[in-house]
């Protein structure tokens, strides 16, 4: 259904960086012509999924129904949450779990001790996979050609002066992650944030998700992250492997 697909494309044009869109901005963001984008936006407003002030559209809380159905029905977030709560309490830092969706990681569970990024991360939040610790773990779990295709489709931009954006450097880093079994990020997503991540396996050894611990660099420098938190992450990884069928 072409019309349905266009409506979904318009929805995806909204983001944390672009919570309010004009018709022209929405059209440019989803690659549709203005007339089509306008019809989609007006339909969303008519159904209560968007507000319209005469110039700008913004999504309403009703849009949460679309994602809540998956979060409430999928067993993985519910299974992960108590393990994340315990991990976060043991580490004294925030712990999260995510899955790979295209070129991004999507948070599916989180236990926050404190806010470690300027954005408020929660289930449903998205980050670019190439520059996130969980993203690199999930990329490392892919077959080589599939991983390279995801990188090729990614917009590699520097979030901070420390962000690695050279494809050759990223390939080397992902190879290291694959070999050592964890990923470490030193202020590549945001100044002052370090994180360490490991994969989540099922009993057959398939990677289902990734989990991480994020901490302020002033409290836990990148050079100390593995020494402080890797054993806790690996213990949680083993528990989940037993729990997951």
C-alpha atoms as a PDB file:
ATOM      1  CA  UNK A   1       0.000   0.000   0.000  1.00  0.00           C
ATOM      2  CA  UNK A   2       1.787   3.049  -1.302  1.00  0.00           C
ATOM      3  CA  UNK A   3      -0.199   5.563   0.729  1.00  0.00           C
ATOM      4  CA  UNK A   4       0.501   3.739   3.974  1.00  0.00           C
ATOM      5  CA  UNK A   5       4.223   3.579   3.150  1.00  0.00           C
ATOM      6  CA  UNK A   6       4.286   7.326   2.471  1.00  0.00           C
ATOM      7  CA  UNK A   7       2.585   8.039   5.787  1.00  0.00           C
ATOM      8  CA  UNK A   8       5.200   5.993   7.616  1.00  0.00           C
ATOM      9  CA  UNK A   9       7.957   7.857   5.762  1.00  0.00           C
ATOM     10  CA  UNK A  10       6.500  11.160   6.987  1.00  0.00           C
ATOM     11  CA  UNK A  11       6.421   9.862  10.565  1.00  0.00           C
ATOM     12  CA  UNK A  12      10.086   8.917  10.320  1.00  0.00           C
ATOM     13  CA  UNK A  13      10.973  12.471   9.274  1.00  0.00           C
ATOM     14  CA  UNK A  14      10.361  13.579  12.870  1.00  0.00           C
ATOM     15  CA  UNK A  15      13.246  13.140  15.304  1.00  0.00           C
ATOM     16  CA  UNK A  16      14.686  14.496  18.535  1.00  0.00           C
ATOM     17  CA  UNK A  17      16.528  17.098  16.448  1.00  0.00           C
ATOM     18  CA  UNK A  18      13.421  17.895  14.385  1.00  0.00           C
ATOM     19  CA  UNK A  19      10.346  17.634  16.645  1.00  0.00           C
ATOM     20  CA  UNK A  20       8.460  20.330  14.680  1.00  0.00           C
ATOM     21  CA  UNK A  21       8.281  20.275  10.899  1.00  0.00           C
ATOM     22  CA  UNK A  22       6.707  22.454   8.265  1.00  0.00           C
ATOM     23  CA  UNK A  23       5.236  20.791   5.194  1.00  0.00           C
ATOM     24  CA  UNK A  24       8.326  21.693   3.173  1.00  0.00           C
ATOM     25  CA  UNK A  25      10.668  20.313   5.854  1.00  0.00           C
ATOM     26  CA  UNK A  26       8.695  17.081   6.148  1.00  0.00           C
ATOM     27  CA  UNK A  27       8.684  16.655   2.365  1.00  0.00           C
ATOM     28  CA  UNK A  28      12.437  17.186   2.184  1.00  0.00           C
ATOM     29  CA  UNK A  29      13.049  14.860   5.109  1.00  0.00           C
ATOM     30  CA  UNK A  30      11.164  11.908   3.648  1.00  0.00           C
ATOM     31  CA  UNK A  31      11.727  12.478  -0.069  1.00  0.00           C
ATOM     32  CA  UNK A  32       8.088  13.129  -0.983  1.00  0.00           C
ATOM     33  CA  UNK A  33       6.589  16.029  -2.892  1.00  0.00           C
ATOM     34  CA  UNK A  34       4.935  18.783  -0.850  1.00  0.00           C
ATOM     35  CA  UNK A  35       1.383  17.853  -1.809  1.00  0.00           C
ATOM     36  CA  UNK A  36       1.819  14.242  -0.713  1.00  0.00           C
ATOM     37  CA  UNK A  37       3.565  15.223   2.523  1.00  0.00           C
ATOM     38  CA  UNK A  38       0.766  17.711   3.251  1.00  0.00           C
ATOM     39  CA  UNK A  39      -1.942  15.073   2.825  1.00  0.00           C
ATOM     40  CA  UNK A  40      -0.083  12.672   5.104  1.00  0.00           C
ATOM     41  CA  UNK A  41       0.488  15.312   7.770  1.00  0.00           C
ATOM     42  CA  UNK A  42      -3.119  16.485   7.721  1.00  0.00           C
ATOM     43  CA  UNK A  43      -4.286  12.881   8.016  1.00  0.00           C
ATOM     44  CA  UNK A  44      -2.018  12.352  11.026  1.00  0.00           C
ATOM     45  CA  UNK A  45      -3.423  15.521  12.598  1.00  0.00           C
ATOM     46  CA  UNK A  46      -7.005  14.436  11.864  1.00  0.00           C
ATOM     47  CA  UNK A  47      -6.360  11.069  13.567  1.00  0.00           C
ATOM     48  CA  UNK A  48      -4.753  12.696  16.601  1.00  0.00           C
ATOM     49  CA  UNK A  49      -1.187  11.557  15.942  1.00  0.00           C
ATOM     50  CA  UNK A  50       0.039  15.104  15.226  1.00  0.00           C
ATOM     51  CA  UNK A  51      -0.697  18.684  16.234  1.00  0.00           C
ATOM     52  CA  UNK A  52      -0.826  21.484  13.674  1.00  0.00           C
ATOM     53  CA  UNK A  53      -0.528  25.174  14.591  1.00  0.00           C
ATOM     54  CA  UNK A  54      -1.074  26.468  11.084  1.00  0.00           C
ATOM     55  CA  UNK A  55       2.594  26.295  10.133  1.00  0.00           C
ATOM     56  CA  UNK A  56       4.315  23.473  11.991  1.00  0.00           C
ATOM     57  CA  UNK A  57       3.337  19.893  12.740  1.00  0.00           C
ATOM     58  CA  UNK A  58       4.497  18.005  15.846  1.00  0.00           C
ATOM     59  CA  UNK A  59       3.743  14.485  16.984  1.00  0.00           C
ATOM     60  CA  UNK A  60       1.410  13.867  19.928  1.00  0.00           C
ATOM     61  CA  UNK A  61       1.643  11.322  22.730  1.00  0.00           C
ATOM     62  CA  UNK A  62      -0.782   9.109  20.806  1.00  0.00           C
ATOM     63  CA  UNK A  63       2.124   8.085  18.555  1.00  0.00           C
ATOM     64  CA  UNK A  64       3.513   6.082  21.491  1.00  0.00           C
ATOM     65  CA  UNK A  65       0.775   3.510  20.891  1.00  0.00           C
ATOM     66  CA  UNK A  66       2.591   2.363  17.769  1.00  0.00           C
ATOM     67  CA  UNK A  67       5.796   1.436  19.592  1.00  0.00           C
ATOM     68  CA  UNK A  68       4.190   0.364  22.853  1.00  0.00           C
ATOM     69  CA  UNK A  69       2.580  -2.606  21.161  1.00  0.00           C
ATOM     70  CA  UNK A  70       5.981  -4.056  20.304  1.00  0.00           C
ATOM     71  CA  UNK A  71       7.590  -3.217  23.660  1.00  0.00           C
ATOM     72  CA  UNK A  72       4.719  -4.766  25.615  1.00  0.00           C
ATOM     73  CA  UNK A  73       4.451  -7.882  23.441  1.00  0.00           C
ATOM     74  CA  UNK A  74       8.130  -8.659  22.788  1.00  0.00           C
ATOM     75  CA  UNK A  75       9.608 -10.936  25.465  1.00  0.00           C
ATOM     76  CA  UNK A  76      13.207  -9.692  25.166  1.00  0.00           C
ATOM     77  CA  UNK A  77      12.821  -6.231  26.817  1.00  0.00           C
ATOM     78  CA  UNK A  78      10.875  -7.703  29.734  1.00  0.00           C
ATOM     79  CA  UNK A  79      13.475 -10.429  30.219  1.00  0.00           C
ATOM     80  CA  UNK A  80      16.377  -7.980  30.023  1.00  0.00           C
ATOM     81  CA  UNK A  81      15.004  -5.341  32.388  1.00  0.00           C
ATOM     82  CA  UNK A  82      15.628  -7.029  35.777  1.00  0.00           C
ATOM     83  CA  UNK A  83      19.153  -7.956  34.677  1.00  0.00           C
ATOM     84  CA  UNK A  84      19.794  -4.350  33.652  1.00  0.00           C
ATOM     85  CA  UNK A  85      18.394  -3.081  36.944  1.00  0.00           C
ATOM     86  CA  UNK A  86      20.782  -5.322  38.877  1.00  0.00           C
ATOM     87  CA  UNK A  87      23.734  -4.459  36.624  1.00  0.00           C
ATOM     88  CA  UNK A  88      23.080  -0.740  37.007  1.00  0.00           C
ATOM     89  CA  UNK A  89      22.862  -1.052  40.781  1.00  0.00           C
ATOM     90  CA  UNK A  90      26.104  -3.062  40.969  1.00  0.00           C
ATOM     91  CA  UNK A  91      27.995  -0.641  38.713  1.00  0.00           C
ATOM     92  CA  UNK A  92      26.474   2.529  40.084  1.00  0.00           C
ATOM     93  CA  UNK A  93      26.048   3.663  36.484  1.00  0.00           C
ATOM     94  CA  UNK A  94      23.372   3.572  33.799  1.00  0.00           C
ATOM     95  CA  UNK A  95      22.921   0.317  31.882  1.00  0.00           C
ATOM     96  CA  UNK A  96      21.094  -0.190  28.594  1.00  0.00           C
ATOM     97  CA  UNK A  97      20.211  -2.801  26.002  1.00  0.00           C
ATOM     98  CA  UNK A  98      19.627  -2.283  22.297  1.00  0.00           C
ATOM     99  CA  UNK A  99      19.116  -4.018  18.971  1.00  0.00           C
ATOM    100  CA  UNK A 100      20.305  -3.071  15.490  1.00  0.00           C
ATOM    101  CA  UNK A 101      17.831  -1.477  13.090  1.00  0.00           C
ATOM    102  CA  UNK A 102      19.457  -0.550   9.795  1.00  0.00           C
ATOM    103  CA  UNK A 103      22.272   1.883  10.529  1.00  0.00           C
ATOM    104  CA  UNK A 104      21.081   2.669  14.069  1.00  0.00           C
ATOM    105  CA  UNK A 105      20.779   1.028  17.442  1.00  0.00           C
ATOM    106  CA  UNK A 106      17.354   1.147  19.093  1.00  0.00           C
ATOM    107  CA  UNK A 107      17.166   1.108  22.877  1.00  0.00           C
ATOM    108  CA  UNK A 108      14.788  -1.602  24.106  1.00  0.00           C
ATOM    109  CA  UNK A 109      15.498  -1.469  27.853  1.00  0.00           C
ATOM    110  CA  UNK A 110      17.330   0.881  30.201  1.00  0.00           C
ATOM    111  CA  UNK A 111      18.155   1.320  33.880  1.00  0.00           C
ATOM    112  CA  UNK A 112      19.380   4.851  34.575  1.00  0.00           C
ATOM    113  CA  UNK A 113      21.363   5.825  37.662  1.00  0.00           C
ATOM    114  CA  UNK A 114      21.963   9.296  36.292  1.00  0.00           C
ATOM    115  CA  UNK A 115      21.604  11.158  33.022  1.00  0.00           C
ATOM    116  CA  UNK A 116      24.855  10.616  31.111  1.00  0.00           C
ATOM    117  CA  UNK A 117      23.962  12.299  27.807  1.00  0.00           C
ATOM    118  CA  UNK A 118      22.393  15.625  26.917  1.00  0.00           C
ATOM    119  CA  UNK A 119      19.518  13.698  25.311  1.00  0.00           C
ATOM    120  CA  UNK A 120      17.220  11.664  27.530  1.00  0.00           C
ATOM    121  CA  UNK A 121      17.767   8.055  26.497  1.00  0.00           C
ATOM    122  CA  UNK A 122      14.851   5.660  26.914  1.00  0.00           C
ATOM    123  CA  UNK A 123      13.324   2.626  25.161  1.00  0.00           C
ATOM    124  CA  UNK A 124      12.799   3.673  21.552  1.00  0.00           C
ATOM    125  CA  UNK A 125      15.746   6.097  21.495  1.00  0.00           C
ATOM    126  CA  UNK A 126      18.091   5.730  18.529  1.00  0.00           C
ATOM    127  CA  UNK A 127      21.797   6.336  18.070  1.00  0.00           C
ATOM    128  CA  UNK A 128      24.077   5.832  15.056  1.00  0.00           C
ATOM    129  CA  UNK A 129      25.537   2.347  15.259  1.00  0.00           C
ATOM    130  CA  UNK A 130      29.034   3.258  14.011  1.00  0.00           C
ATOM    131  CA  UNK A 131      29.750   5.591  16.942  1.00  0.00           C
ATOM    132  CA  UNK A 132      27.941   3.772  19.780  1.00  0.00           C
ATOM    133  CA  UNK A 133      29.486   0.991  21.864  1.00  0.00           C
ATOM    134  CA  UNK A 134      26.418  -1.233  21.474  1.00  0.00           C
ATOM    135  CA  UNK A 135      26.358  -0.435  17.774  1.00  0.00           C
ATOM    136  CA  UNK A 136      29.917  -1.606  17.252  1.00  0.00           C
ATOM    137  CA  UNK A 137      29.202  -4.811  19.158  1.00  0.00           C
ATOM    138  CA  UNK A 138      26.167  -5.485  16.965  1.00  0.00           C
ATOM    139  CA  UNK A 139      28.050  -4.599  13.785  1.00  0.00           C
ATOM    140  CA  UNK A 140      30.849  -6.963  14.795  1.00  0.00           C
ATOM    141  CA  UNK A 141      28.296  -9.777  15.066  1.00  0.00           C
ATOM    142  CA  UNK A 142      27.188  -9.383  11.448  1.00  0.00           C
ATOM    143  CA  UNK A 143      28.690 -11.272   8.520  1.00  0.00           C
ATOM    144  CA  UNK A 144      31.540  -9.221   7.049  1.00  0.00           C
ATOM    145  CA  UNK A 145      29.785  -8.121   3.856  1.00  0.00           C
ATOM    146  CA  UNK A 146      26.580  -7.224   5.681  1.00  0.00           C
ATOM    147  CA  UNK A 147      28.543  -5.193   8.212  1.00  0.00           C
ATOM    148  CA  UNK A 148      30.345  -3.322   5.436  1.00  0.00           C
ATOM    149  CA  UNK A 149      27.006  -2.614   3.736  1.00  0.00           C
ATOM    150  CA  UNK A 150      25.625  -1.080   6.939  1.00  0.00           C
ATOM    151  CA  UNK A 151      28.698   1.138   7.277  1.00  0.00           C
ATOM    152  CA  UNK A 152      28.446   2.154   3.623  1.00  0.00           C
ATOM    153  CA  UNK A 153      24.811   3.184   4.184  1.00  0.00           C
ATOM    154  CA  UNK A 154      25.670   5.195   7.319  1.00  0.00           C
ATOM    155  CA  UNK A 155      26.167   8.941   7.343  1.00  0.00           C
ATOM    156  CA  UNK A 156      29.548   9.107   9.041  1.00  0.00           C
ATOM    157  CA  UNK A 157      29.717  12.462  10.760  1.00  0.00           C
ATOM    158  CA  UNK A 158      31.764  13.619  13.732  1.00  0.00           C
ATOM    159  CA  UNK A 159      29.654  14.196  16.858  1.00  0.00           C
ATOM    160  CA  UNK A 160      32.785  15.245  18.760  1.00  0.00           C
ATOM    161  CA  UNK A 161      36.482  15.714  17.913  1.00  0.00           C
ATOM    162  CA  UNK A 162      36.973  12.094  19.030  1.00  0.00           C
ATOM    163  CA  UNK A 163      34.431  10.471  16.699  1.00  0.00           C
ATOM    164  CA  UNK A 164      35.923   7.972  14.279  1.00  0.00           C
ATOM    165  CA  UNK A 165      34.490   8.533  10.822  1.00  0.00           C
ATOM    166  CA  UNK A 166      37.141   7.055   8.515  1.00  0.00           C
ATOM    167  CA  UNK A 167      35.623   3.813   7.102  1.00  0.00           C
ATOM    168  CA  UNK A 168      39.001   2.057   7.171  1.00  0.00           C
ATOM    169  CA  UNK A 169      39.516   2.988  10.834  1.00  0.00           C
ATOM    170  CA  UNK A 170      36.007   1.826  11.706  1.00  0.00           C
ATOM    171  CA  UNK A 171      36.571  -1.512   9.996  1.00  0.00           C
ATOM    172  CA  UNK A 172      39.743  -1.984  12.025  1.00  0.00           C
ATOM    173  CA  UNK A 173      37.931  -1.040  15.225  1.00  0.00           C
ATOM    174  CA  UNK A 174      35.063  -3.450  14.531  1.00  0.00           C
ATOM    175  CA  UNK A 175      37.593  -6.219  13.860  1.00  0.00           C
ATOM    176  CA  UNK A 176      39.128  -5.525  17.294  1.00  0.00           C
ATOM    177  CA  UNK A 177      35.665  -5.624  18.890  1.00  0.00           C
ATOM    178  CA  UNK A 178      34.962  -8.964  17.218  1.00  0.00           C
ATOM    179  CA  UNK A 179      38.221 -10.383  18.536  1.00  0.00           C
ATOM    180  CA  UNK A 180      38.091  -9.098  22.107  1.00  0.00           C
ATOM    181  CA  UNK A 181      34.352  -9.484  22.614  1.00  0.00           C
ATOM    182  CA  UNK A 182      33.516  -5.975  23.785  1.00  0.00           C
ATOM    183  CA  UNK A 183      33.469  -2.395  22.506  1.00  0.00           C
ATOM    184  CA  UNK A 184      34.742   0.707  24.260  1.00  0.00           C
ATOM    185  CA  UNK A 185      33.758   4.241  23.286  1.00  0.00           C
ATOM    186  CA  UNK A 186      35.712   7.258  24.492  1.00  0.00           C
ATOM    187  CA  UNK A 187      33.631  10.434  24.054  1.00  0.00           C
ATOM    188  CA  UNK A 188      32.769   9.672  20.425  1.00  0.00           C
ATOM    189  CA  UNK A 189      29.039  10.315  20.828  1.00  0.00           C
ATOM    190  CA  UNK A 190      29.236  13.150  23.293  1.00  0.00           C
ATOM    191  CA  UNK A 191      32.001  14.948  25.156  1.00  0.00           C
ATOM    192  CA  UNK A 192      32.259  13.592  28.676  1.00  0.00           C
ATOM    193  CA  UNK A 193      30.618  10.206  27.966  1.00  0.00           C
ATOM    194  CA  UNK A 194      32.390   6.840  27.925  1.00  0.00           C
ATOM    195  CA  UNK A 195      30.693   3.492  27.462  1.00  0.00           C
ATOM    196  CA  UNK A 196      31.497  -0.193  27.245  1.00  0.00           C
ATOM    197  CA  UNK A 197      29.300  -2.852  25.639  1.00  0.00           C
ATOM    198  CA  UNK A 198      29.102  -6.617  25.150  1.00  0.00           C
ATOM    199  CA  UNK A 199      26.807  -8.787  23.018  1.00  0.00           C
ATOM    200  CA  UNK A 200      23.819 -10.698  24.383  1.00  0.00           C
ATOM    201  CA  UNK A 201      23.788 -14.320  23.190  1.00  0.00           C
ATOM    202  CA  UNK A 202      21.106 -16.968  23.216  1.00  0.00           C
ATOM    203  CA  UNK A 203      21.995 -20.559  24.109  1.00  0.00           C
ATOM    204  CA  UNK A 204      22.975 -21.327  20.515  1.00  0.00           C
ATOM    205  CA  UNK A 205      25.458 -18.465  20.408  1.00  0.00           C
ATOM    206  CA  UNK A 206      23.350 -16.135  18.254  1.00  0.00           C
ATOM    207  CA  UNK A 207      23.648 -12.425  19.087  1.00  0.00           C
ATOM    208  CA  UNK A 208      20.198 -11.093  19.995  1.00  0.00           C
ATOM    209  CA  UNK A 209      21.092  -7.674  21.396  1.00  0.00           C
ATOM    210  CA  UNK A 210      23.834  -5.700  23.110  1.00  0.00           C
ATOM    211  CA  UNK A 211      24.116  -4.282  26.605  1.00  0.00           C
ATOM    212  CA  UNK A 212      26.303  -1.504  27.898  1.00  0.00           C
ATOM    213  CA  UNK A 213      27.297   0.639  30.825  1.00  0.00           C
ATOM    214  CA  UNK A 214      27.688   4.359  30.263  1.00  0.00           C
ATOM    215  CA  UNK A 215      29.567   6.641  32.640  1.00  0.00           C
ATOM    216  CA  UNK A 216      30.833  10.235  32.810  1.00  0.00           C
ATOM    217  CA  UNK A 217      34.445  10.401  31.663  1.00  0.00           C
ATOM    218  CA  UNK A 218      35.297  12.487  34.727  1.00  0.00           C
ATOM    219  CA  UNK A 219      34.163   9.622  36.958  1.00  0.00           C
ATOM    220  CA  UNK A 220      35.272   6.662  34.846  1.00  0.00           C
ATOM    221  CA  UNK A 221      37.853   7.469  32.125  1.00  0.00           C
ATOM    222  CA  UNK A 222      37.860   5.190  29.098  1.00  0.00           C
ATOM    223  CA  UNK A 223      41.150   3.609  30.186  1.00  0.00           C
ATOM    224  CA  UNK A 224      39.455   2.409  33.382  1.00  0.00           C
ATOM    225  CA  UNK A 225      36.107   1.264  31.953  1.00  0.00           C
ATOM    226  CA  UNK A 226      37.114  -2.338  31.218  1.00  0.00           C
ATOM    227  CA  UNK A 227      38.776  -2.787  34.594  1.00  0.00           C
ATOM    228  CA  UNK A 228      35.764  -1.437  36.441  1.00  0.00           C
ATOM    229  CA  UNK A 229      32.809  -2.806  34.497  1.00  0.00           C
ATOM    230  CA  UNK A 230      33.750  -5.581  32.046  1.00  0.00           C
ATOM    231  CA  UNK A 231      33.474  -8.386  34.622  1.00  0.00           C
ATOM    232  CA  UNK A 232      29.989  -7.167  35.611  1.00  0.00           C
ATOM    233  CA  UNK A 233      28.913  -7.054  31.969  1.00  0.00           C
ATOM    234  CA  UNK A 234      30.292 -10.519  31.274  1.00  0.00           C
ATOM    235  CA  UNK A 235      28.542 -11.938  34.339  1.00  0.00           C
ATOM    236  CA  UNK A 236      25.253 -10.474  33.108  1.00  0.00           C
ATOM    237  CA  UNK A 237      26.001 -11.812  29.636  1.00  0.00           C
ATOM    238  CA  UNK A 238      26.383 -15.351  31.069  1.00  0.00           C
ATOM    239  CA  UNK A 239      23.169 -15.042  33.069  1.00  0.00           C
ATOM    240  CA  UNK A 240      21.242 -13.939  30.004  1.00  0.00           C
ATOM    241  CA  UNK A 241      22.667 -16.703  27.854  1.00  0.00           C
ATOM    242  CA  UNK A 242      21.283 -19.219  30.329  1.00  0.00           C
ATOM    243  CA  UNK A 243      17.938 -17.441  30.517  1.00  0.00           C
ATOM    244  CA  UNK A 244      17.455 -16.978  26.782  1.00  0.00           C
ATOM    245  CA  UNK A 245      16.280 -19.963  24.755  1.00  0.00           C
END
